[in-house]
C-alpha atoms as a PDB file:
ATOM      1  CA  UNK A   1     -21.828  17.044  -4.715  1.00  0.00           C
ATOM      2  CA  UNK A   2     -24.519  14.468  -4.099  1.00  0.00           C
ATOM      3  CA  UNK A   3     -24.974  13.449  -0.487  1.00  0.00           C
ATOM      4  CA  UNK A   4     -26.446  10.003  -1.198  1.00  0.00           C
ATOM      5  CA  UNK A   5     -24.177   6.987  -0.755  1.00  0.00           C
ATOM      6  CA  UNK A   6     -22.927   5.643  -4.061  1.00  0.00           C
ATOM      7  CA  UNK A   7     -22.464   1.873  -4.427  1.00  0.00           C
ATOM      8  CA  UNK A   8     -18.810   0.804  -4.861  1.00  0.00           C
ATOM      9  CA  UNK A   9     -19.685  -0.997  -8.104  1.00  0.00           C
ATOM     10  CA  UNK A  10     -20.706   2.320  -9.704  1.00  0.00           C
ATOM     11  CA  UNK A  11     -17.436   4.075  -8.883  1.00  0.00           C
ATOM     12  CA  UNK A  12     -14.635   4.457 -11.423  1.00  0.00           C
ATOM     13  CA  UNK A  13     -10.940   4.539 -10.456  1.00  0.00           C
ATOM     14  CA  UNK A  14      -8.740   7.360 -11.759  1.00  0.00           C
ATOM     15  CA  UNK A  15      -5.044   8.173 -11.389  1.00  0.00           C
ATOM     16  CA  UNK A  16      -3.565  11.610 -10.951  1.00  0.00           C
ATOM     17  CA  UNK A  17      -0.285  13.369 -10.320  1.00  0.00           C
ATOM     18  CA  UNK A  18       1.465  16.701 -10.284  1.00  0.00           C
ATOM     19  CA  UNK A  19       3.755  17.736 -13.149  1.00  0.00           C
ATOM     20  CA  UNK A  20       6.960  16.348 -11.596  1.00  0.00           C
ATOM     21  CA  UNK A  21       5.245  13.176 -10.240  1.00  0.00           C
ATOM     22  CA  UNK A  22       6.338  13.861  -6.641  1.00  0.00           C
ATOM     23  CA  UNK A  23       2.613  13.718  -5.800  1.00  0.00           C
ATOM     24  CA  UNK A  24       0.631  10.826  -7.230  1.00  0.00           C
ATOM     25  CA  UNK A  25      -2.658   9.294  -6.179  1.00  0.00           C
ATOM     26  CA  UNK A  26      -5.610   7.147  -7.160  1.00  0.00           C
ATOM     27  CA  UNK A  27      -9.224   7.829  -6.321  1.00  0.00           C
ATOM     28  CA  UNK A  28     -12.684   6.431  -6.929  1.00  0.00           C
ATOM     29  CA  UNK A  29     -15.719   8.469  -7.886  1.00  0.00           C
ATOM     30  CA  UNK A  30     -19.043   7.806  -9.549  1.00  0.00           C
ATOM     31  CA  UNK A  31     -19.487   9.049 -13.093  1.00  0.00           C
ATOM     32  CA  UNK A  32     -19.701  11.535 -14.487  1.00  0.00           C
ATOM     33  CA  UNK A  33     -16.373  13.200 -13.998  1.00  0.00           C
ATOM     34  CA  UNK A  34     -17.179  15.186 -17.144  1.00  0.00           C
ATOM     35  CA  UNK A  35     -19.787  17.443 -15.477  1.00  0.00           C
ATOM     36  CA  UNK A  36     -18.033  20.100 -13.410  1.00  0.00           C
ATOM     37  CA  UNK A  37     -18.689  23.187 -11.359  1.00  0.00           C
ATOM     38  CA  UNK A  38     -16.420  26.128 -12.151  1.00  0.00           C
ATOM     39  CA  UNK A  39     -15.878  28.108  -8.966  1.00  0.00           C
ATOM     40  CA  UNK A  40     -15.548  31.871  -9.186  1.00  0.00           C
ATOM     41  CA  UNK A  41     -13.524  32.484  -6.031  1.00  0.00           C
ATOM     42  CA  UNK A  42     -10.204  34.235  -6.542  1.00  0.00           C
ATOM     43  CA  UNK A  43      -7.901  31.266  -5.930  1.00  0.00           C
ATOM     44  CA  UNK A  44      -9.977  28.855  -8.037  1.00  0.00           C
ATOM     45  CA  UNK A  45      -9.891  31.291 -10.957  1.00  0.00           C
ATOM     46  CA  UNK A  46      -6.139  31.837 -10.626  1.00  0.00           C
ATOM     47  CA  UNK A  47      -5.399  28.101 -10.345  1.00  0.00           C
ATOM     48  CA  UNK A  48      -7.804  27.144 -13.136  1.00  0.00           C
ATOM     49  CA  UNK A  49      -9.583  24.655 -10.878  1.00  0.00           C
ATOM     50  CA  UNK A  50     -12.130  22.255 -12.277  1.00  0.00           C
ATOM     51  CA  UNK A  51     -13.021  20.230  -9.202  1.00  0.00           C
ATOM     52  CA  UNK A  52     -14.340  16.734  -8.531  1.00  0.00           C
ATOM     53  CA  UNK A  53     -15.424  15.730  -5.037  1.00  0.00           C
ATOM     54  CA  UNK A  54     -14.544  12.163  -4.046  1.00  0.00           C
ATOM     55  CA  UNK A  55     -14.977  10.996  -0.461  1.00  0.00           C
ATOM     56  CA  UNK A  56     -11.771  11.372   1.546  1.00  0.00           C
ATOM     57  CA  UNK A  57     -11.762   7.593   2.082  1.00  0.00           C
ATOM     58  CA  UNK A  58     -11.744   6.997  -1.686  1.00  0.00           C
ATOM     59  CA  UNK A  59      -8.375   8.727  -2.232  1.00  0.00           C
ATOM     60  CA  UNK A  60      -5.036   6.937  -1.833  1.00  0.00           C
ATOM     61  CA  UNK A  61      -1.816   8.940  -2.069  1.00  0.00           C
ATOM     62  CA  UNK A  62       1.119   6.852  -3.323  1.00  0.00           C
ATOM     63  CA  UNK A  63       4.515   6.476  -1.619  1.00  0.00           C
ATOM     64  CA  UNK A  64       5.809   9.725  -0.103  1.00  0.00           C
ATOM     65  CA  UNK A  65       3.263  11.903  -1.930  1.00  0.00           C
ATOM     66  CA  UNK A  66       1.792  13.350   1.258  1.00  0.00           C
ATOM     67  CA  UNK A  67       5.259  14.567   2.292  1.00  0.00           C
ATOM     68  CA  UNK A  68       5.576  16.451  -1.019  1.00  0.00           C
ATOM     69  CA  UNK A  69       2.291  18.317  -0.490  1.00  0.00           C
ATOM     70  CA  UNK A  70       2.321  21.886   0.798  1.00  0.00           C
ATOM     71  CA  UNK A  71      -0.705  23.872   1.933  1.00  0.00           C
ATOM     72  CA  UNK A  72      -1.970  27.403   1.616  1.00  0.00           C
ATOM     73  CA  UNK A  73      -4.842  29.073   3.509  1.00  0.00           C
ATOM     74  CA  UNK A  74      -6.416  32.492   3.141  1.00  0.00           C
ATOM     75  CA  UNK A  75      -9.436  34.527   4.258  1.00  0.00           C
ATOM     76  CA  UNK A  76     -11.395  32.382   6.765  1.00  0.00           C
ATOM     77  CA  UNK A  77      -8.747  29.607   6.743  1.00  0.00           C
ATOM     78  CA  UNK A  78     -11.564  27.039   6.506  1.00  0.00           C
ATOM     79  CA  UNK A  79      -9.849  24.992   3.774  1.00  0.00           C
ATOM     80  CA  UNK A  80      -6.324  23.873   2.912  1.00  0.00           C
ATOM     81  CA  UNK A  81      -5.321  24.359  -0.713  1.00  0.00           C
ATOM     82  CA  UNK A  82      -2.803  21.614  -1.551  1.00  0.00           C
ATOM     83  CA  UNK A  83      -0.018  21.950  -4.096  1.00  0.00           C
ATOM     84  CA  UNK A  84       3.214  20.128  -4.897  1.00  0.00           C
ATOM     85  CA  UNK A  85       6.127  21.646  -2.997  1.00  0.00           C
ATOM     86  CA  UNK A  86       8.473  20.808  -5.874  1.00  0.00           C
ATOM     87  CA  UNK A  87       6.692  21.860  -9.086  1.00  0.00           C
ATOM     88  CA  UNK A  88       3.841  23.965  -7.642  1.00  0.00           C
ATOM     89  CA  UNK A  89       0.976  22.082  -9.324  1.00  0.00           C
ATOM     90  CA  UNK A  90      -2.383  22.764  -7.609  1.00  0.00           C
ATOM     91  CA  UNK A  91      -3.748  19.386  -6.498  1.00  0.00           C
ATOM     92  CA  UNK A  92      -6.902  20.170  -4.553  1.00  0.00           C
ATOM     93  CA  UNK A  93      -8.710  21.434  -1.501  1.00  0.00           C
ATOM     94  CA  UNK A  94      -9.511  19.843   1.868  1.00  0.00           C
ATOM     95  CA  UNK A  95     -11.688  21.351   4.597  1.00  0.00           C
ATOM     96  CA  UNK A  96     -10.159  22.235   7.946  1.00  0.00           C
ATOM     97  CA  UNK A  97     -12.422  20.780  10.629  1.00  0.00           C
ATOM     98  CA  UNK A  98     -16.157  20.765   9.942  1.00  0.00           C
ATOM     99  CA  UNK A  99     -17.006  22.407   6.634  1.00  0.00           C
ATOM    100  CA  UNK A 100     -20.639  23.161   5.661  1.00  0.00           C
ATOM    101  CA  UNK A 101     -20.238  22.047   2.036  1.00  0.00           C
ATOM    102  CA  UNK A 102     -17.223  19.749   1.635  1.00  0.00           C
ATOM    103  CA  UNK A 103     -17.921  17.723   4.805  1.00  0.00           C
ATOM    104  CA  UNK A 104     -16.196  14.351   4.235  1.00  0.00           C
ATOM    105  CA  UNK A 105     -14.979  15.149   0.721  1.00  0.00           C
ATOM    106  CA  UNK A 106     -11.723  16.259  -0.853  1.00  0.00           C
ATOM    107  CA  UNK A 107     -11.918  18.569  -3.866  1.00  0.00           C
ATOM    108  CA  UNK A 108      -9.471  17.373  -6.538  1.00  0.00           C
ATOM    109  CA  UNK A 109      -8.358  19.457  -9.498  1.00  0.00           C
ATOM    110  CA  UNK A 110      -9.501  17.534 -12.591  1.00  0.00           C
ATOM    111  CA  UNK A 111      -6.552  18.989 -14.514  1.00  0.00           C
ATOM    112  CA  UNK A 112      -4.138  16.661 -12.654  1.00  0.00           C
ATOM    113  CA  UNK A 113      -6.071  13.490 -13.513  1.00  0.00           C
ATOM    114  CA  UNK A 114      -4.566  11.223 -16.170  1.00  0.00           C
ATOM    115  CA  UNK A 115      -6.383  10.484 -19.432  1.00  0.00           C
ATOM    116  CA  UNK A 116      -9.092  13.137 -19.045  1.00  0.00           C
ATOM    117  CA  UNK A 117     -10.355  14.697 -22.268  1.00  0.00           C
ATOM    118  CA  UNK A 118     -10.880  18.312 -21.165  1.00  0.00           C
ATOM    119  CA  UNK A 119     -12.786  19.091 -24.373  1.00  0.00           C
ATOM    120  CA  UNK A 120     -15.556  16.746 -23.179  1.00  0.00           C
ATOM    121  CA  UNK A 121     -15.953  18.464 -19.798  1.00  0.00           C
ATOM    122  CA  UNK A 122     -19.268  20.287 -19.390  1.00  0.00           C
ATOM    123  CA  UNK A 123     -19.093  23.155 -16.927  1.00  0.00           C
ATOM    124  CA  UNK A 124     -21.474  25.382 -15.023  1.00  0.00           C
ATOM    125  CA  UNK A 125     -20.664  28.351 -12.815  1.00  0.00           C
ATOM    126  CA  UNK A 126     -20.822  27.851  -9.063  1.00  0.00           C
ATOM    127  CA  UNK A 127     -20.713  30.474  -6.324  1.00  0.00           C
ATOM    128  CA  UNK A 128     -17.399  29.584  -4.704  1.00  0.00           C
ATOM    129  CA  UNK A 129     -17.027  33.057  -3.192  1.00  0.00           C
ATOM    130  CA  UNK A 130     -19.784  32.418  -0.649  1.00  0.00           C
ATOM    131  CA  UNK A 131     -19.049  28.805   0.372  1.00  0.00           C
ATOM    132  CA  UNK A 132     -17.386  29.832   3.654  1.00  0.00           C
END
């Protein structure tokens, strides 16, 4: 998660949705979406998260998508885990208040992004258990 500002011209637009399409969105992020951290915290492992970190302002939920989202918190309750209330697809993670790592970002599950070739994704382990 680079902290430097990324010029708009370098950002790529992606589309994503849950399985039933009740939640759909577009977002912009700078390449490469194919280099990912794999978190080892319990919920990330169970949900199979591969996360990308666009700025909150670079995500646009379509139609009534926000109404279809449900949240789950655990442990320190410092983040909301979002999922579709209809089909249960894990969409992503948003910090509650000030968060030391996510700050102004939303963590999106790459597995809900359209036209992503998961075989091309390069991963590295990240210590999600100690992020707070």
